[in-house]
Structure formats: C-alpha cells, structure tokens
Amino acid sequence: APLPKFLNALGMPGMTAYFGLLDVGLPKAGETVVVSGAAGAVGQT
C-alpha cells in the first residue's frame, strides 16, 4: 500500500477504529452504528 496508508487505516488510527468498534462495540449485523468525526482518520475506518 502507499506509505501514507500506514499512518491511516493500516496505522494507529485504523487500529483504534478496528479494535474500538469490534472489541468494545461488539457490533452485530443489522445494528445501527453512529460515528462522529466521520470523515477523519478514525471515523472513516
């Protein structure tokens, strides 16, 4: 991937989003998820 991606989805912001949603949020199919700062590094992921 291009190097900047490793500071975005493949870096700390992406890890924050991924584990925060999946490990803390525990989403299930069909649920409604709302995210603020949606266009930012964490929000978009």
All heavy atoms as atom14 arrays in JSON, in Angstrom:
{
  "sequence": "APLPKFLNALGMPGMTAYFGLLDVGLPKAGETVVVSGAAGAVGQT",
  "atom14_mask": [
    [1, 1, 1, 1, 1, 0, 0, 0, 0, 0, 0, 0, 0, 0],
    [1, 1, 1, 1, 1, 1, 1, 0, 0, 0, 0, 0, 0, 0],
    [1, 1, 1, 1, 1, 1, 1, 1, 0, 0, 0, 0, 0, 0],
    [1, 1, 1, 1, 1, 1, 1, 0, 0, 0, 0, 0, 0, 0],
    [1, 1, 1, 1, 1, 1, 1, 1, 1, 0, 0, 0, 0, 0],
    [1, 1, 1, 1, 1, 1, 1, 1, 1, 1, 1, 0, 0, 0],
    [1, 1, 1, 1, 1, 1, 1, 1, 0, 0, 0, 0, 0, 0],
    [1, 1, 1, 1, 1, 1, 1, 1, 0, 0, 0, 0, 0, 0],
    [1, 1, 1, 1, 1, 0, 0, 0, 0, 0, 0, 0, 0, 0],
    [1, 1, 1, 1, 1, 1, 1, 1, 0, 0, 0, 0, 0, 0],
    [1, 1, 1, 1, 0, 0, 0, 0, 0, 0, 0, 0, 0, 0],
    [1, 1, 1, 1, 1, 1, 1, 1, 0, 0, 0, 0, 0, 0],
    [1, 1, 1, 1, 1, 1, 1, 0, 0, 0, 0, 0, 0, 0],
    [1, 1, 1, 1, 0, 0, 0, 0, 0, 0, 0, 0, 0, 0],
    [1, 1, 1, 1, 1, 1, 1, 1, 0, 0, 0, 0, 0, 0],
    [1, 1, 1, 1, 1, 1, 1, 0, 0, 0, 0, 0, 0, 0],
    [1, 1, 1, 1, 1, 0, 0, 0, 0, 0, 0, 0, 0, 0],
    [1, 1, 1, 1, 1, 1, 1, 1, 1, 1, 1, 1, 0, 0],
    [1, 1, 1, 1, 1, 1, 1, 1, 1, 1, 1, 0, 0, 0],
    [1, 1, 1, 1, 0, 0, 0, 0, 0, 0, 0, 0, 0, 0],
    [1, 1, 1, 1, 1, 1, 1, 1, 0, 0, 0, 0, 0, 0],
    [1, 1, 1, 1, 1, 1, 1, 1, 0, 0, 0, 0, 0, 0],
    [1, 1, 1, 1, 1, 1, 1, 1, 0, 0, 0, 0, 0, 0],
    [1, 1, 1, 1, 1, 1, 1, 0, 0, 0, 0, 0, 0, 0],
    [1, 1, 1, 1, 0, 0, 0, 0, 0, 0, 0, 0, 0, 0],
    [1, 1, 1, 1, 1, 1, 1, 1, 0, 0, 0, 0, 0, 0],
    [1, 1, 1, 1, 1, 1, 1, 0, 0, 0, 0, 0, 0, 0],
    [1, 1, 1, 1, 1, 1, 1, 1, 1, 0, 0, 0, 0, 0],
    [1, 1, 1, 1, 1, 0, 0, 0, 0, 0, 0, 0, 0, 0],
    [1, 1, 1, 1, 0, 0, 0, 0, 0, 0, 0, 0, 0, 0],
    [1, 1, 1, 1, 1, 1, 1, 1, 1, 0, 0, 0, 0, 0],
    [1, 1, 1, 1, 1, 1, 1, 0, 0, 0, 0, 0, 0, 0],
    [1, 1, 1, 1, 1, 1, 1, 0, 0, 0, 0, 0, 0, 0],
    [1, 1, 1, 1, 1, 1, 1, 0, 0, 0, 0, 0, 0, 0],
    [1, 1, 1, 1, 1, 1, 1, 0, 0, 0, 0, 0, 0, 0],
    [1, 1, 1, 1, 1, 1, 0, 0, 0, 0, 0, 0, 0, 0],
    [1, 1, 1, 1, 0, 0, 0, 0, 0, 0, 0, 0, 0, 0],
    [1, 1, 1, 1, 1, 0, 0, 0, 0, 0, 0, 0, 0, 0],
    [1, 1, 1, 1, 1, 0, 0, 0, 0, 0, 0, 0, 0, 0],
    [1, 1, 1, 1, 0, 0, 0, 0, 0, 0, 0, 0, 0, 0],
    [1, 1, 1, 1, 1, 0, 0, 0, 0, 0, 0, 0, 0, 0],
    [1, 1, 1, 1, 1, 1, 1, 0, 0, 0, 0, 0, 0, 0],
    [1, 1, 1, 1, 0, 0, 0, 0, 0, 0, 0, 0, 0, 0],
    [1, 1, 1, 1, 1, 1, 1, 1, 1, 0, 0, 0, 0, 0],
    [1, 1, 1, 1, 1, 1, 1, 0, 0, 0, 0, 0, 0, 0]
  ],
  "atom14_positions": [
    [[0.86, -1.19, 0.0], [0.0, 0.0, 0.0], [0.89, 1.23, 0.0], [2.04, 1.17, 0.45], [-0.91, 0.01, 1.23], [0.0, 0.0, 0.0], [0.0, 0.0, 0.0], [0.0, 0.0, 0.0], [0.0, 0.0, 0.0], [0.0, 0.0, 0.0], [0.0, 0.0, 0.0], [0.0, 0.0, 0.0], [0.0, 0.0, 0.0], [0.0, 0.0, 0.0]],
    [[0.4, 2.37, -0.51], [1.17, 3.61, -0.42], [1.52, 3.92, 1.03], [0.73, 3.65, 1.94], [0.22, 4.66, -1.01], [-0.69, 3.89, -1.9], [-0.88, 2.56, -1.22], [0.0, 0.0, 0.0], [0.0, 0.0, 0.0], [0.0, 0.0, 0.0], [0.0, 0.0, 0.0], [0.0, 0.0, 0.0], [0.0, 0.0, 0.0], [0.0, 0.0, 0.0]],
    [[2.7, 4.48, 1.26], [3.17, 4.71, 2.62], [2.18, 5.49, 3.51], [2.01, 5.13, 4.69], [4.52, 5.43, 2.6], [5.71, 4.59, 2.1], [6.97, 5.45, 2.07], [5.93, 3.36, 2.97], [0.0, 0.0, 0.0], [0.0, 0.0, 0.0], [0.0, 0.0, 0.0], [0.0, 0.0, 0.0], [0.0, 0.0, 0.0], [0.0, 0.0, 0.0]],
    [[1.5, 6.54, 3.02], [0.58, 7.26, 3.91], [-0.54, 6.38, 4.47], [-1.06, 6.67, 5.54], [0.01, 8.36, 3.01], [1.11, 8.63, 2.02], [1.67, 7.27, 1.73], [0.0, 0.0, 0.0], [0.0, 0.0, 0.0], [0.0, 0.0, 0.0], [0.0, 0.0, 0.0], [0.0, 0.0, 0.0], [0.0, 0.0, 0.0], [0.0, 0.0, 0.0]],
    [[-0.89, 5.3, 3.77], [-1.94, 4.4, 4.27], [-1.53, 3.76, 5.59], [-2.38, 3.39, 6.41], [-2.25, 3.31, 3.26], [-2.6, 3.79, 1.86], [-3.91, 4.51, 1.79], [-4.24, 4.91, 0.35], [-5.39, 5.82, 0.26], [0.0, 0.0, 0.0], [0.0, 0.0, 0.0], [0.0, 0.0, 0.0], [0.0, 0.0, 0.0], [0.0, 0.0, 0.0]],
    [[-0.2, 3.62, 5.8], [0.29, 3.01, 7.04], [0.2, 3.97, 8.23], [0.49, 3.59, 9.37], [1.72, 2.51, 6.86], [1.83, 1.31, 5.96], [2.17, 1.46, 4.62], [1.58, 0.03, 6.43], [2.27, 0.37, 3.77], [1.68, -1.07, 5.6], [2.02, -0.91, 4.27], [0.0, 0.0, 0.0], [0.0, 0.0, 0.0], [0.0, 0.0, 0.0]],
    [[-0.19, 5.22, 7.98], [-0.48, 6.16, 9.05], [-1.98, 6.4, 9.17], [-2.42, 7.18, 10.01], [0.24, 7.49, 8.82], [1.76, 7.44, 8.87], [2.35, 8.82, 8.58], [2.27, 6.92, 10.21], [0.0, 0.0, 0.0], [0.0, 0.0, 0.0], [0.0, 0.0, 0.0], [0.0, 0.0, 0.0], [0.0, 0.0, 0.0], [0.0, 0.0, 0.0]],
    [[-2.74, 5.71, 8.35], [-4.19, 5.88, 8.33], [-4.84, 4.55, 8.71], [-4.67, 4.08, 9.82], [-4.65, 6.39, 6.96], [-6.07, 6.92, 6.99], [-6.75, 6.88, 8.0], [-6.54, 7.42, 5.87], [0.0, 0.0, 0.0], [0.0, 0.0, 0.0], [0.0, 0.0, 0.0], [0.0, 0.0, 0.0], [0.0, 0.0, 0.0], [0.0, 0.0, 0.0]],
    [[-5.53, 3.92, 7.8], [-6.24, 2.68, 8.12], [-5.3, 1.56, 8.54], [-5.67, 0.7, 9.35], [-7.1, 2.26, 6.94], [0.0, 0.0, 0.0], [0.0, 0.0, 0.0], [0.0, 0.0, 0.0], [0.0, 0.0, 0.0], [0.0, 0.0, 0.0], [0.0, 0.0, 0.0], [0.0, 0.0, 0.0], [0.0, 0.0, 0.0], [0.0, 0.0, 0.0]],
    [[-4.08, 1.54, 8.0], [-3.13, 0.48, 8.34], [-2.18, 0.9, 9.46], [-1.18, 0.23, 9.71], [-2.34, 0.06, 7.09], [-3.19, -0.48, 5.93], [-2.32, -0.88, 4.76], [-4.07, -1.64, 6.38], [0.0, 0.0, 0.0], [0.0, 0.0, 0.0], [0.0, 0.0, 0.0], [0.0, 0.0, 0.0], [0.0, 0.0, 0.0], [0.0, 0.0, 0.0]],
    [[-2.5, 2.02, 10.1], [-1.69, 2.53, 11.2], [-2.52, 2.72, 12.46], [-3.58, 2.1, 12.63], [0.0, 0.0, 0.0], [0.0, 0.0, 0.0], [0.0, 0.0, 0.0], [0.0, 0.0, 0.0], [0.0, 0.0, 0.0], [0.0, 0.0, 0.0], [0.0, 0.0, 0.0], [0.0, 0.0, 0.0], [0.0, 0.0, 0.0], [0.0, 0.0, 0.0]],
    [[-2.06, 3.59, 13.36], [-2.72, 3.77, 14.65], [-4.2, 4.17, 14.55], [-5.04, 3.62, 15.28], [-1.96, 4.79, 15.5], [-0.59, 4.32, 15.95], [-0.67, 2.85, 17.01], [1.07, 2.54, 17.24], [0.0, 0.0, 0.0], [0.0, 0.0, 0.0], [0.0, 0.0, 0.0], [0.0, 0.0, 0.0], [0.0, 0.0, 0.0], [0.0, 0.0, 0.0]],
    [[-4.57, 5.12, 13.66], [-6.0, 5.46, 13.58], [-6.85, 4.26, 13.17], [-7.93, 4.04, 13.73], [-6.03, 6.56, 12.51], [-4.66, 7.15, 12.52], [-3.75, 6.01, 12.81], [0.0, 0.0, 0.0], [0.0, 0.0, 0.0], [0.0, 0.0, 0.0], [0.0, 0.0, 0.0], [0.0, 0.0, 0.0], [0.0, 0.0, 0.0], [0.0, 0.0, 0.0]],
    [[-6.36, 3.48, 12.21], [-7.11, 2.31, 11.78], [-7.21, 1.26, 12.86], [-8.25, 0.62, 13.05], [0.0, 0.0, 0.0], [0.0, 0.0, 0.0], [0.0, 0.0, 0.0], [0.0, 0.0, 0.0], [0.0, 0.0, 0.0], [0.0, 0.0, 0.0], [0.0, 0.0, 0.0], [0.0, 0.0, 0.0], [0.0, 0.0, 0.0], [0.0, 0.0, 0.0]],
    [[-6.11, 1.07, 13.61], [-6.13, 0.1, 14.7], [-7.12, 0.55, 15.79], [-7.86, -0.27, 16.36], [-4.74, -0.07, 15.31], [-3.65, -0.52, 14.34], [-3.95, -2.08, 13.5], [-4.48, -1.5, 11.87], [0.0, 0.0, 0.0], [0.0, 0.0, 0.0], [0.0, 0.0, 0.0], [0.0, 0.0, 0.0], [0.0, 0.0, 0.0], [0.0, 0.0, 0.0]],
    [[-7.13, 1.84, 16.07], [-8.06, 2.39, 17.06], [-9.5, 2.12, 16.63], [-10.33, 1.67, 17.44], [-7.84, 3.91, 17.21], [-6.49, 4.16, 17.59], [-8.78, 4.5, 18.24], [0.0, 0.0, 0.0], [0.0, 0.0, 0.0], [0.0, 0.0, 0.0], [0.0, 0.0, 0.0], [0.0, 0.0, 0.0], [0.0, 0.0, 0.0], [0.0, 0.0, 0.0]],
    [[-9.78, 2.4, 15.37], [-11.14, 2.2, 14.85], [-11.54, 0.73, 14.87], [-12.64, 0.37, 15.32], [-11.22, 2.75, 13.43], [0.0, 0.0, 0.0], [0.0, 0.0, 0.0], [0.0, 0.0, 0.0], [0.0, 0.0, 0.0], [0.0, 0.0, 0.0], [0.0, 0.0, 0.0], [0.0, 0.0, 0.0], [0.0, 0.0, 0.0], [0.0, 0.0, 0.0]],
    [[-10.66, -0.11, 14.38], [-10.95, -1.54, 14.23], [-11.21, -2.2, 15.58], [-12.26, -2.83, 15.79], [-9.77, -2.2, 13.52], [-9.92, -3.67, 13.21], [-10.42, -4.09, 11.98], [-9.53, -4.65, 14.11], [-10.55, -5.44, 11.67], [-9.65, -6.0, 13.82], [-10.16, -6.39, 12.59], [-10.27, -7.72, 12.3], [0.0, 0.0, 0.0], [0.0, 0.0, 0.0]],
    [[-10.29, -2.04, 16.5], [-10.44, -2.71, 17.8], [-11.47, -2.02, 18.68], [-12.17, -2.66, 19.47], [-9.09, -2.83, 18.5], [-8.16, -3.78, 17.81], [-7.04, -3.31, 17.13], [-8.42, -5.13, 17.78], [-6.18, -4.18, 16.47], [-7.57, -6.01, 17.12], [-6.45, -5.54, 16.46], [0.0, 0.0, 0.0], [0.0, 0.0, 0.0], [0.0, 0.0, 0.0]],
    [[-11.57, -0.69, 18.56], [-12.59, 0.01, 19.33], [-13.99, -0.44, 18.94], [-14.83, -0.71, 19.81], [0.0, 0.0, 0.0], [0.0, 0.0, 0.0], [0.0, 0.0, 0.0], [0.0, 0.0, 0.0], [0.0, 0.0, 0.0], [0.0, 0.0, 0.0], [0.0, 0.0, 0.0], [0.0, 0.0, 0.0], [0.0, 0.0, 0.0], [0.0, 0.0, 0.0]],
    [[-14.23, -0.54, 17.64], [-15.55, -0.97, 17.19], [-15.8, -2.44, 17.5], [-16.83, -2.8, 18.08], [-15.7, -0.72, 15.69], [-17.05, -1.18, 15.11], [-18.19, -0.31, 15.64], [-17.04, -1.16, 13.59], [0.0, 0.0, 0.0], [0.0, 0.0, 0.0], [0.0, 0.0, 0.0], [0.0, 0.0, 0.0], [0.0, 0.0, 0.0], [0.0, 0.0, 0.0]],
    [[-14.86, -3.29, 17.11], [-15.11, -4.73, 17.21], [-14.98, -5.28, 18.63], [-15.8, -6.1, 19.05], [-14.16, -5.48, 16.27], [-14.29, -5.15, 14.78], [-13.39, -6.05, 13.95], [-15.74, -5.28, 14.32], [0.0, 0.0, 0.0], [0.0, 0.0, 0.0], [0.0, 0.0, 0.0], [0.0, 0.0, 0.0], [0.0, 0.0, 0.0], [0.0, 0.0, 0.0]],
    [[-13.98, -4.83, 19.39], [-13.78, -5.38, 20.73], [-14.62, -4.68, 21.8], [-15.06, -5.32, 22.76], [-12.31, -5.29, 21.12], [-11.51, -6.46, 20.57], [-11.69, -6.78, 19.38], [-10.7, -7.05, 21.32], [0.0, 0.0, 0.0], [0.0, 0.0, 0.0], [0.0, 0.0, 0.0], [0.0, 0.0, 0.0], [0.0, 0.0, 0.0], [0.0, 0.0, 0.0]],
    [[-14.81, -3.38, 21.65], [-15.6, -2.63, 22.63], [-17.05, -2.51, 22.18], [-17.98, -2.71, 22.97], [-14.99, -1.24, 22.88], [-15.8, -0.47, 23.94], [-13.54, -1.36, 23.34], [0.0, 0.0, 0.0], [0.0, 0.0, 0.0], [0.0, 0.0, 0.0], [0.0, 0.0, 0.0], [0.0, 0.0, 0.0], [0.0, 0.0, 0.0], [0.0, 0.0, 0.0]],
    [[-17.25, -2.21, 20.91], [-18.62, -2.02, 20.41], [-19.38, -3.31, 20.16], [-20.6, -3.33, 20.23], [0.0, 0.0, 0.0], [0.0, 0.0, 0.0], [0.0, 0.0, 0.0], [0.0, 0.0, 0.0], [0.0, 0.0, 0.0], [0.0, 0.0, 0.0], [0.0, 0.0, 0.0], [0.0, 0.0, 0.0], [0.0, 0.0, 0.0], [0.0, 0.0, 0.0]],
    [[-18.65, -4.39, 19.84], [-19.27, -5.7, 19.6], [-20.46, -5.62, 18.65], [-21.59, -5.99, 18.99], [-19.69, -6.33, 20.93], [-18.58, -6.53, 21.96], [-19.17, -6.98, 23.31], [-17.56, -7.54, 21.46], [0.0, 0.0, 0.0], [0.0, 0.0, 0.0], [0.0, 0.0, 0.0], [0.0, 0.0, 0.0], [0.0, 0.0, 0.0], [0.0, 0.0, 0.0]],
    [[-20.24, -5.11, 17.43], [-21.37, -4.93, 16.51], [-21.96, -6.25, 16.02], [-21.26, -7.24, 15.85], [-20.73, -4.16, 15.35], [-19.3, -4.59, 15.37], [-18.96, -4.75, 16.82], [0.0, 0.0, 0.0], [0.0, 0.0, 0.0], [0.0, 0.0, 0.0], [0.0, 0.0, 0.0], [0.0, 0.0, 0.0], [0.0, 0.0, 0.0], [0.0, 0.0, 0.0]],
    [[-23.27, -6.22, 15.8], [-23.97, -7.35, 15.21], [-24.68, -6.88, 13.94], [-25.14, -5.72, 13.87], [-24.97, -7.93, 16.2], [-24.33, -8.53, 17.45], [-25.35, -9.15, 18.39], [-26.06, -8.12, 19.23], [-25.19, -7.48, 20.23], [0.0, 0.0, 0.0], [0.0, 0.0, 0.0], [0.0, 0.0, 0.0], [0.0, 0.0, 0.0], [0.0, 0.0, 0.0]],
    [[-24.73, -7.74, 12.96], [-25.37, -7.39, 11.69], [-26.77, -6.86, 11.94], [-27.53, -7.4, 12.77], [-25.42, -8.61, 10.77], [0.0, 0.0, 0.0], [0.0, 0.0, 0.0], [0.0, 0.0, 0.0], [0.0, 0.0, 0.0], [0.0, 0.0, 0.0], [0.0, 0.0, 0.0], [0.0, 0.0, 0.0], [0.0, 0.0, 0.0], [0.0, 0.0, 0.0]],
    [[-27.1, -5.76, 11.24], [-28.42, -5.16, 11.37], [-28.5, -4.05, 12.38], [-29.49, -3.31, 12.42], [0.0, 0.0, 0.0], [0.0, 0.0, 0.0], [0.0, 0.0, 0.0], [0.0, 0.0, 0.0], [0.0, 0.0, 0.0], [0.0, 0.0, 0.0], [0.0, 0.0, 0.0], [0.0, 0.0, 0.0], [0.0, 0.0, 0.0], [0.0, 0.0, 0.0]],
    [[-27.46, -3.9, 13.23], [-27.47, -2.82, 14.22], [-27.13, -1.49, 13.57], [-26.51, -1.43, 12.5], [-26.5, -3.12, 15.35], [-26.94, -4.27, 16.26], [-26.09, -4.4, 17.5], [-24.85, -4.29, 17.4], [-26.67, -4.64, 18.57], [0.0, 0.0, 0.0], [0.0, 0.0, 0.0], [0.0, 0.0, 0.0], [0.0, 0.0, 0.0], [0.0, 0.0, 0.0]],
    [[-27.52, -0.4, 14.25], [-27.22, 0.95, 13.78], [-26.01, 1.49, 14.52], [-26.0, 1.54, 15.76], [-28.42, 1.89, 13.99], [-29.51, 1.44, 13.17], [-28.06, 3.32, 13.6], [0.0, 0.0, 0.0], [0.0, 0.0, 0.0], [0.0, 0.0, 0.0], [0.0, 0.0, 0.0], [0.0, 0.0, 0.0], [0.0, 0.0, 0.0], [0.0, 0.0, 0.0]],
    [[-25.0, 1.88, 13.75], [-23.77, 2.45, 14.29], [-23.69, 3.92, 13.89], [-23.84, 4.25, 12.71], [-22.53, 1.71, 13.76], [-21.24, 2.39, 14.24], [-22.55, 0.25, 14.16], [0.0, 0.0, 0.0], [0.0, 0.0, 0.0], [0.0, 0.0, 0.0], [0.0, 0.0, 0.0], [0.0, 0.0, 0.0], [0.0, 0.0, 0.0], [0.0, 0.0, 0.0]],
    [[-23.45, 4.79, 14.84], [-23.24, 6.22, 14.58], [-21.8, 6.54, 14.95], [-21.3, 6.1, 16.0], [-24.22, 7.09, 15.39], [-23.89, 8.58, 15.23], [-25.66, 6.83, 14.94], [0.0, 0.0, 0.0], [0.0, 0.0, 0.0], [0.0, 0.0, 0.0], [0.0, 0.0, 0.0], [0.0, 0.0, 0.0], [0.0, 0.0, 0.0], [0.0, 0.0, 0.0]],
    [[-21.12, 7.32, 14.1], [-19.75, 7.72, 14.38], [-19.59, 9.21, 14.12], [-20.01, 9.71, 13.07], [-18.73, 6.9, 13.55], [-19.02, 6.98, 12.06], [-17.3, 7.33, 13.85], [0.0, 0.0, 0.0], [0.0, 0.0, 0.0], [0.0, 0.0, 0.0], [0.0, 0.0, 0.0], [0.0, 0.0, 0.0], [0.0, 0.0, 0.0], [0.0, 0.0, 0.0]],
    [[-19.03, 9.93, 15.09], [-18.74, 11.35, 14.89], [-17.33, 11.49, 14.33], [-16.53, 10.56, 14.37], [-18.88, 12.11, 16.21], [-18.08, 11.54, 17.23], [0.0, 0.0, 0.0], [0.0, 0.0, 0.0], [0.0, 0.0, 0.0], [0.0, 0.0, 0.0], [0.0, 0.0, 0.0], [0.0, 0.0, 0.0], [0.0, 0.0, 0.0], [0.0, 0.0, 0.0]],
    [[-17.03, 12.67, 13.8], [-15.76, 12.84, 13.11], [-15.65, 11.84, 11.97], [-14.59, 11.27, 11.72], [0.0, 0.0, 0.0], [0.0, 0.0, 0.0], [0.0, 0.0, 0.0], [0.0, 0.0, 0.0], [0.0, 0.0, 0.0], [0.0, 0.0, 0.0], [0.0, 0.0, 0.0], [0.0, 0.0, 0.0], [0.0, 0.0, 0.0], [0.0, 0.0, 0.0]],
    [[-16.74, 11.66, 11.26], [-16.86, 10.55, 10.31], [-15.89, 10.62, 9.14], [-15.52, 9.59, 8.58], [-18.29, 10.47, 9.78], [0.0, 0.0, 0.0], [0.0, 0.0, 0.0], [0.0, 0.0, 0.0], [0.0, 0.0, 0.0], [0.0, 0.0, 0.0], [0.0, 0.0, 0.0], [0.0, 0.0, 0.0], [0.0, 0.0, 0.0], [0.0, 0.0, 0.0]],
    [[-15.47, 11.83, 8.76], [-14.55, 11.96, 7.63], [-13.1, 11.95, 8.06], [-12.2, 12.0, 7.22], [-14.85, 13.24, 6.85], [0.0, 0.0, 0.0], [0.0, 0.0, 0.0], [0.0, 0.0, 0.0], [0.0, 0.0, 0.0], [0.0, 0.0, 0.0], [0.0, 0.0, 0.0], [0.0, 0.0, 0.0], [0.0, 0.0, 0.0], [0.0, 0.0, 0.0]],
    [[-12.85, 11.9, 9.37], [-11.49, 11.89, 9.88], [-10.86, 10.52, 9.81], [-11.47, 9.54, 9.36], [0.0, 0.0, 0.0], [0.0, 0.0, 0.0], [0.0, 0.0, 0.0], [0.0, 0.0, 0.0], [0.0, 0.0, 0.0], [0.0, 0.0, 0.0], [0.0, 0.0, 0.0], [0.0, 0.0, 0.0], [0.0, 0.0, 0.0], [0.0, 0.0, 0.0]],
    [[-9.64, 10.42, 10.3], [-8.86, 9.19, 10.17], [-9.53, 8.01, 10.84], [-9.66, 6.93, 10.26], [-7.46, 9.4, 10.75], [0.0, 0.0, 0.0], [0.0, 0.0, 0.0], [0.0, 0.0, 0.0], [0.0, 0.0, 0.0], [0.0, 0.0, 0.0], [0.0, 0.0, 0.0], [0.0, 0.0, 0.0], [0.0, 0.0, 0.0], [0.0, 0.0, 0.0]],
    [[-9.98, 8.19, 12.09], [-10.62, 7.08, 12.8], [-12.03, 6.86, 12.28], [-12.44, 5.72, 12.02], [-10.63, 7.36, 14.32], [-11.44, 6.31, 15.06], [-9.21, 7.41, 14.86], [0.0, 0.0, 0.0], [0.0, 0.0, 0.0], [0.0, 0.0, 0.0], [0.0, 0.0, 0.0], [0.0, 0.0, 0.0], [0.0, 0.0, 0.0], [0.0, 0.0, 0.0]],
    [[-12.77, 7.94, 12.11], [-14.17, 7.82, 11.72], [-14.39, 7.1, 10.41], [-15.3, 6.28, 10.28], [0.0, 0.0, 0.0], [0.0, 0.0, 0.0], [0.0, 0.0, 0.0], [0.0, 0.0, 0.0], [0.0, 0.0, 0.0], [0.0, 0.0, 0.0], [0.0, 0.0, 0.0], [0.0, 0.0, 0.0], [0.0, 0.0, 0.0], [0.0, 0.0, 0.0]],
    [[-13.56, 7.4, 9.41], [-13.77, 6.77, 8.1], [-13.55, 5.27, 8.17], [-14.2, 4.51, 7.46], [-12.89, 7.42, 7.03], [-11.41, 7.35, 7.26], [-10.61, 8.05, 6.16], [-10.12, 7.43, 5.24], [-10.49, 9.37, 6.26], [0.0, 0.0, 0.0], [0.0, 0.0, 0.0], [0.0, 0.0, 0.0], [0.0, 0.0, 0.0], [0.0, 0.0, 0.0]],
    [[-12.64, 4.83, 9.04], [-12.39, 3.4, 9.19], [-13.5, 2.73, 9.99], [-13.96, 1.64, 9.65], [-11.02, 3.16, 9.85], [-10.0, 3.69, 9.0], [-10.77, 1.69, 10.06], [0.0, 0.0, 0.0], [0.0, 0.0, 0.0], [0.0, 0.0, 0.0], [0.0, 0.0, 0.0], [0.0, 0.0, 0.0], [0.0, 0.0, 0.0], [0.0, 0.0, 0.0]]
  ]
}
